[in-house]
Structures are given as C-alpha cells and as structure tokens.
Amino acid sequence: MPTHHSPRGPRLRRLADRLGVQYRTPFEPQYDPAHRTWTLRWYDGPPPATVLAALRSAGPDANGVLVRRDLTTRSLALAALRETRAGAMHRWVGSWGQRYHLAQLLADQEHPDRPAGPREAAMLERLLQAATGGWSVPDESRAFELIARDGIAWLLPSDRLAGPDDADGLALGPLEYLTSRYAAGVHRAAWETALTPMPLRSAVLAAQADPEPTADAARAALALLPALRAQLNGELDRAQAQLAGVLQPQT
C-alpha cells in the first residue's frame, strides 16, 4: 500500500531506507487505514527483535510502528535441509506443520537465506530447482516432500570424486564417495538423510571386495589407507597396553 496515505509516510520511508542500508535488506513501510497503524515489512534479513531495537532508538517517528518479517521459500528450504541432516525434521506433520516448525526455528536467526558454504549453497540450488517443476518459482511444499521422501544425499553427485580443481563443494571426498557407492542398511539410511559416512574400515574393505571397482573407487580407497593404518595401529597399541597391564606384577 502506498506510504503517502499518512503524513508519517515520507519519514518512515526514509527510516526504512536507512535500515535497508544498515542491514542490507529492503524494508517496506505499509499503512493500514482500517487500524491506522504502520507496519515495517521485509523478507529474511535481520530478526524482528533486532529491527524493533533499532526502531526504539530511531526517535518519535518510529513510535508504534509494527514489524513483520516474512520468510522466503529459499530460507525455509535451507532450514529443511539443515534440519533433515540434523535428524530433527518433522516428516510426519505435513507441509504446514513443517513450515511452522521451521519458522519457529528461524525466528531469531539473522539472514536465514544465506548458506554456510559453497556445498550447502549448491545443494540448496539443486533442491530449489527440483522443487520448481513446472512452476515459475520453487514450491516449498514440494521441497519438503522431496527431502522427506528422498533425504538429501541426492543433492550431491554420487559419481564424482573430489579432485584438486574442484571448487564448488559438490564433489565427494574419498570416504563420502565410497559411502555413496557401497553403504547398505543403516549406513545407507544415515548417508541419505544426514550425509553420515560409513565406518572407515568398512568403506575400504567394500572397495577391496568389489570385483569391478571403478578407478575412482580405487583412488578413494587408496587415499584412505593412511588414515585406516593409523586407526588400526592405535587400536593395536591400546590392546597391547591393556593386555600387558594384566601381566604386570601386583605391588
């Protein structure tokens, strides 16, 4: 609604512009003539408590101004991805229940639409693209459905072992690659829902037992051998110390 329906409009517009520069988020003052109230609205960006604190220090022009932050599909999809990986996504409550859960989770979070790194950003873009389907914009219910049904591992390329020139964060590390290729049972479920890799020893043994491993599977297993050797040596050292202690003369 146009801001000139009240004499406060231009002043609040200038205040919104200042806040926009401060928080790098567009703000829009909206007037409700039925209730004679002003509401400052924005998407994602800073949490409402932060903006309310800024308004309290802005002087009399901001007195009585309400605030409302709306969450974009991008923010909600990113939160769903993170909650699924943490094992906390409420799959059984339907899309509206999921939306409410995620909105509550993001209530105090600043800029909830910003991924933590290149991999999360690439996974989010893949999810949003898959959730767009035949629509012009991503559908948040579709994004929730995809994650609830398929987990999140499908957002990474299962056949791409990371190399020295990979910079997008999507390619899999050696243990991730072997997990994607060989994990079964609970290890498969843990990988698909939380990107939890299978045990190191199991991954190397699976590649070794494969009658026709790919070149990347062999490279991944070989890259893991030093870590496996250190792990086994540590276990042997602990076993030796424990058993030798049994033979120590009692004092």
Protein backbone atom coordinates (compact mmCIF):
# COMPACT_ATOMS: atom_id res chain seq x y z
CA MET A 1 0.00 0.00 0.00
CA PRO A 2 1.37 3.47 -0.84
CA THR A 3 3.09 5.22 2.02
CA HIS A 4 1.58 8.68 1.31
CA HIS A 5 -1.77 7.82 2.97
CA SER A 6 -0.37 9.23 6.21
CA PRO A 7 1.83 12.27 6.87
CA ARG A 8 4.32 9.90 8.55
CA GLY A 9 4.82 8.09 5.27
CA PRO A 10 7.81 10.02 3.87
CA ARG A 11 9.61 9.98 7.22
CA LEU A 12 9.10 6.25 7.64
CA ARG A 13 10.20 5.72 4.06
CA ARG A 14 13.50 7.45 4.83
CA LEU A 15 13.84 5.40 8.02
CA ALA A 16 13.20 2.21 6.05
CA ASP A 17 15.89 3.20 3.56
CA ARG A 18 18.40 3.79 6.37
CA LEU A 19 17.61 0.42 7.88
CA GLY A 20 17.93 -1.16 4.46
CA VAL A 21 21.46 0.16 4.12
CA GLN A 22 22.33 -0.87 7.68
CA TYR A 23 21.05 -4.44 7.37
CA ARG A 24 21.47 -4.89 3.60
CA THR A 25 17.81 -5.82 3.31
CA PRO A 26 14.96 -3.93 1.58
CA PHE A 27 12.33 -2.67 4.06
CA GLU A 28 8.84 -1.52 3.11
CA PRO A 29 6.62 0.62 5.39
CA GLN A 30 2.94 -0.20 4.88
CA TYR A 31 -0.04 1.71 6.23
CA ASP A 32 -3.29 0.05 7.36
CA PRO A 33 -6.02 2.73 7.18
CA ALA A 34 -8.57 0.49 8.90
CA HIS A 35 -6.46 0.28 12.05
CA ARG A 36 -4.41 3.46 11.43
CA THR A 37 -1.19 1.54 12.01
CA TRP A 38 2.15 1.32 10.26
CA THR A 39 4.00 -1.94 9.73
CA LEU A 40 7.58 -2.26 8.58
CA ARG A 41 7.89 -5.41 6.44
CA TRP A 42 10.83 -7.26 4.95
CA TYR A 43 11.94 -10.70 3.77
CA ASP A 44 14.57 -12.80 5.55
CA GLY A 45 17.26 -10.36 6.71
CA PRO A 46 17.56 -9.49 10.43
CA PRO A 47 15.21 -11.00 13.02
CA PRO A 48 12.25 -8.90 14.25
CA ALA A 49 13.82 -8.31 17.67
CA THR A 50 16.80 -6.63 16.04
CA VAL A 51 14.61 -4.30 13.97
CA LEU A 52 12.41 -3.46 16.97
CA ALA A 53 15.52 -2.45 18.90
CA ALA A 54 16.58 -0.23 16.01
CA LEU A 55 13.14 1.40 15.88
CA ARG A 56 13.19 2.16 19.60
CA SER A 57 16.37 4.15 19.11
CA ALA A 58 15.12 5.88 15.95
CA GLY A 59 13.11 8.60 17.69
CA PRO A 60 9.41 9.55 17.73
CA ASP A 61 8.87 8.81 14.04
CA ALA A 62 9.09 5.09 14.82
CA ASN A 63 6.73 5.13 17.82
CA GLY A 64 4.03 2.49 17.49
CA VAL A 65 5.42 1.02 14.26
CA LEU A 66 4.83 -2.72 13.99
CA VAL A 67 7.28 -5.12 12.38
CA ARG A 68 6.79 -8.22 10.25
CA ARG A 69 9.43 -10.44 8.72
CA ASP A 70 8.35 -12.95 6.08
CA LEU A 71 10.45 -15.98 5.22
CA THR A 72 11.15 -16.87 1.62
CA THR A 73 10.99 -20.37 0.19
CA ARG A 74 14.77 -20.21 -0.03
CA SER A 75 15.11 -19.73 3.73
CA LEU A 76 12.59 -22.46 4.54
CA ALA A 77 14.17 -24.94 2.11
CA LEU A 78 17.62 -24.26 3.56
CA ALA A 79 16.29 -24.78 7.08
CA ALA A 80 14.61 -28.04 5.98
CA LEU A 81 17.88 -29.25 4.52
CA ARG A 82 19.75 -28.49 7.75
CA GLU A 83 17.07 -29.98 9.98
CA THR A 84 16.99 -33.17 7.93
CA ARG A 85 20.74 -33.51 8.22
CA ALA A 86 20.48 -32.99 11.97
CA GLY A 87 17.77 -35.64 12.21
CA ALA A 88 15.25 -33.11 13.51
CA MET A 89 12.95 -32.59 10.52
CA HIS A 90 9.35 -33.39 11.45
CA ARG A 91 8.39 -35.56 8.49
CA TRP A 92 5.06 -36.72 9.85
CA VAL A 93 3.25 -33.41 10.36
CA GLY A 94 2.63 -32.34 6.75
CA SER A 95 3.88 -29.29 4.90
CA TRP A 96 2.06 -26.71 7.06
CA GLY A 97 3.32 -28.31 10.24
CA GLN A 98 6.83 -28.40 8.79
CA ARG A 99 6.57 -24.75 7.81
CA TYR A 100 5.50 -23.78 11.31
CA HIS A 101 8.34 -25.81 12.85
CA LEU A 102 10.91 -24.20 10.55
CA ALA A 103 9.52 -20.68 11.05
CA GLN A 104 9.82 -21.12 14.81
CA LEU A 105 13.35 -22.40 14.37
CA LEU A 106 14.34 -19.37 12.29
CA ALA A 107 12.59 -16.76 14.45
CA ASP A 108 15.82 -15.39 15.93
CA GLN A 109 18.18 -16.25 13.10
CA GLU A 110 19.77 -13.48 11.06
CA HIS A 111 19.68 -13.78 7.26
CA PRO A 112 18.26 -17.34 7.23
CA ASP A 113 18.55 -17.47 3.45
CA ARG A 114 22.35 -17.49 3.45
CA PRO A 115 24.09 -20.87 3.09
CA ALA A 116 27.08 -21.64 5.28
CA GLY A 117 29.43 -22.51 2.42
CA PRO A 118 29.75 -23.49 -1.27
CA ARG A 119 28.49 -27.06 -0.77
CA GLU A 120 25.38 -26.04 1.12
CA ALA A 121 24.73 -23.31 -1.44
CA ALA A 122 24.99 -25.79 -4.33
CA MET A 123 22.76 -28.33 -2.56
CA LEU A 124 20.17 -25.62 -1.90
CA GLU A 125 20.15 -24.54 -5.55
CA ARG A 126 19.63 -28.14 -6.65
CA LEU A 127 16.77 -28.55 -4.21
CA LEU A 128 15.08 -25.34 -5.32
CA GLN A 129 15.47 -26.32 -8.97
CA ALA A 130 13.90 -29.73 -8.32
CA ALA A 131 11.08 -28.08 -6.33
CA THR A 132 10.27 -25.71 -9.18
CA GLY A 133 8.96 -28.41 -11.54
CA GLY A 134 6.56 -26.84 -14.00
CA TRP A 135 6.09 -23.70 -11.92
CA SER A 136 7.90 -20.41 -12.36
CA VAL A 137 9.08 -20.36 -8.73
CA PRO A 138 10.06 -23.12 -6.28
CA ASP A 139 7.23 -24.66 -4.27
CA GLU A 140 8.12 -25.04 -0.59
CA SER A 141 5.74 -27.97 -0.06
CA ARG A 142 7.41 -29.76 -2.95
CA ALA A 143 10.84 -29.09 -1.40
CA PHE A 144 9.67 -30.53 1.94
CA GLU A 145 8.21 -33.57 0.15
CA LEU A 146 11.41 -34.27 -1.78
CA ILE A 147 13.56 -34.16 1.34
CA ALA A 148 11.12 -36.23 3.40
CA ARG A 149 10.94 -38.88 0.70
CA ASP A 150 14.50 -38.99 -0.63
CA GLY A 151 16.70 -37.44 2.04
CA ILE A 152 19.46 -35.05 0.98
CA ALA A 153 22.31 -37.19 -0.42
CA TRP A 154 20.75 -36.99 -3.90
CA LEU A 155 21.63 -33.29 -3.92
CA LEU A 156 25.28 -34.34 -4.29
CA PRO A 157 26.70 -36.10 -7.38
CA SER A 158 27.21 -39.73 -6.32
CA ASP A 159 29.70 -40.45 -9.11
CA ARG A 160 32.07 -37.52 -8.67
CA LEU A 161 35.19 -37.91 -6.55
CA ALA A 162 36.68 -34.58 -5.49
CA GLY A 163 39.87 -33.59 -7.23
CA PRO A 164 42.37 -30.76 -6.73
CA ASP A 165 40.47 -28.47 -9.10
CA ASP A 166 37.01 -28.89 -7.56
CA ALA A 167 35.87 -25.62 -6.04
CA ASP A 168 32.07 -25.88 -5.94
CA GLY A 169 31.98 -28.14 -2.88
CA LEU A 170 29.68 -30.68 -4.52
CA ALA A 171 32.25 -33.37 -5.30
CA LEU A 172 32.59 -36.14 -2.74
CA GLY A 173 35.59 -36.78 -0.54
CA PRO A 174 37.11 -40.29 -0.55
CA LEU A 175 35.06 -41.64 2.37
CA GLU A 176 31.89 -39.96 1.08
CA TYR A 177 32.44 -41.45 -2.37
CA LEU A 178 32.84 -44.98 -1.03
CA THR A 179 29.83 -44.50 1.25
CA SER A 180 27.71 -43.34 -1.66
CA ARG A 181 28.82 -46.37 -3.68
CA TYR A 182 28.84 -49.17 -1.11
CA ALA A 183 26.84 -48.26 2.01
CA ALA A 184 23.87 -50.51 2.83
CA GLY A 185 21.32 -50.88 5.61
CA VAL A 186 21.63 -48.38 8.44
CA HIS A 187 24.73 -46.88 6.87
CA ARG A 188 22.80 -46.21 3.65
CA ALA A 189 19.98 -44.54 5.59
CA ALA A 190 22.45 -42.44 7.60
CA TRP A 191 24.14 -41.31 4.39
CA GLU A 192 20.95 -40.46 2.53
CA THR A 193 19.38 -38.48 5.37
CA ALA A 194 22.34 -36.93 7.18
CA LEU A 195 25.40 -37.37 4.92
CA THR A 196 26.95 -39.51 7.65
CA PRO A 197 29.75 -41.63 6.11
CA MET A 198 30.12 -45.33 6.78
CA PRO A 199 32.96 -46.58 9.03
CA LEU A 200 36.39 -46.11 7.52
CA ARG A 201 37.41 -49.76 7.65
CA SER A 202 34.10 -50.92 6.17
CA ALA A 203 34.47 -48.50 3.27
CA VAL A 204 37.97 -49.66 2.35
CA LEU A 205 37.03 -53.34 2.68
CA ALA A 206 33.97 -52.77 0.48
CA ALA A 207 36.13 -51.31 -2.27
CA GLN A 208 38.60 -54.16 -1.90
CA ALA A 209 35.81 -56.74 -2.14
CA ASP A 210 34.27 -55.13 -5.22
CA PRO A 211 35.02 -57.43 -8.19
CA GLU A 212 34.90 -54.47 -10.57
CA PRO A 213 35.74 -51.27 -8.68
CA THR A 214 35.87 -48.05 -10.64
CA ALA A 215 39.12 -46.15 -10.92
CA ASP A 216 37.69 -43.50 -8.59
CA ALA A 217 36.73 -46.17 -6.03
CA ALA A 218 40.31 -47.44 -6.09
CA ARG A 219 41.67 -43.90 -5.76
CA ALA A 220 39.32 -43.17 -2.86
CA ALA A 221 40.28 -46.37 -1.01
CA LEU A 222 43.98 -45.76 -1.53
CA ALA A 223 43.59 -42.19 -0.24
CA LEU A 224 42.01 -43.59 2.94
CA LEU A 225 44.69 -46.20 3.66
CA PRO A 226 46.95 -43.90 5.73
CA ALA A 227 44.03 -42.96 7.99
CA LEU A 228 42.95 -46.61 8.28
CA ARG A 229 46.51 -47.67 9.08
CA ALA A 230 46.72 -45.06 11.84
CA GLN A 231 43.37 -46.17 13.21
CA LEU A 232 44.38 -49.83 13.30
CA ASN A 233 47.77 -49.05 14.82
CA GLY A 234 46.04 -47.08 17.54
CA GLU A 235 43.71 -49.98 18.29
CA LEU A 236 46.65 -52.41 18.43
CA ASP A 237 48.61 -50.10 20.71
CA ARG A 238 45.68 -49.82 23.10
CA ALA A 239 45.15 -53.58 23.08
CA GLN A 240 48.84 -54.18 23.77
CA ALA A 241 48.91 -51.74 26.67
CA GLN A 242 45.74 -53.17 28.18
CA LEU A 243 46.88 -56.81 27.94
CA ALA A 244 50.41 -56.07 29.08
CA GLY A 245 48.93 -54.44 32.16
CA VAL A 246 47.33 -57.72 33.10
CA LEU A 247 50.79 -59.32 33.30
CA GLN A 248 52.31 -56.60 35.43
CA PRO A 249 53.27 -57.96 38.90
CA GLN A 250 50.91 -56.78 41.61
CA THR A 251 52.51 -54.49 44.20
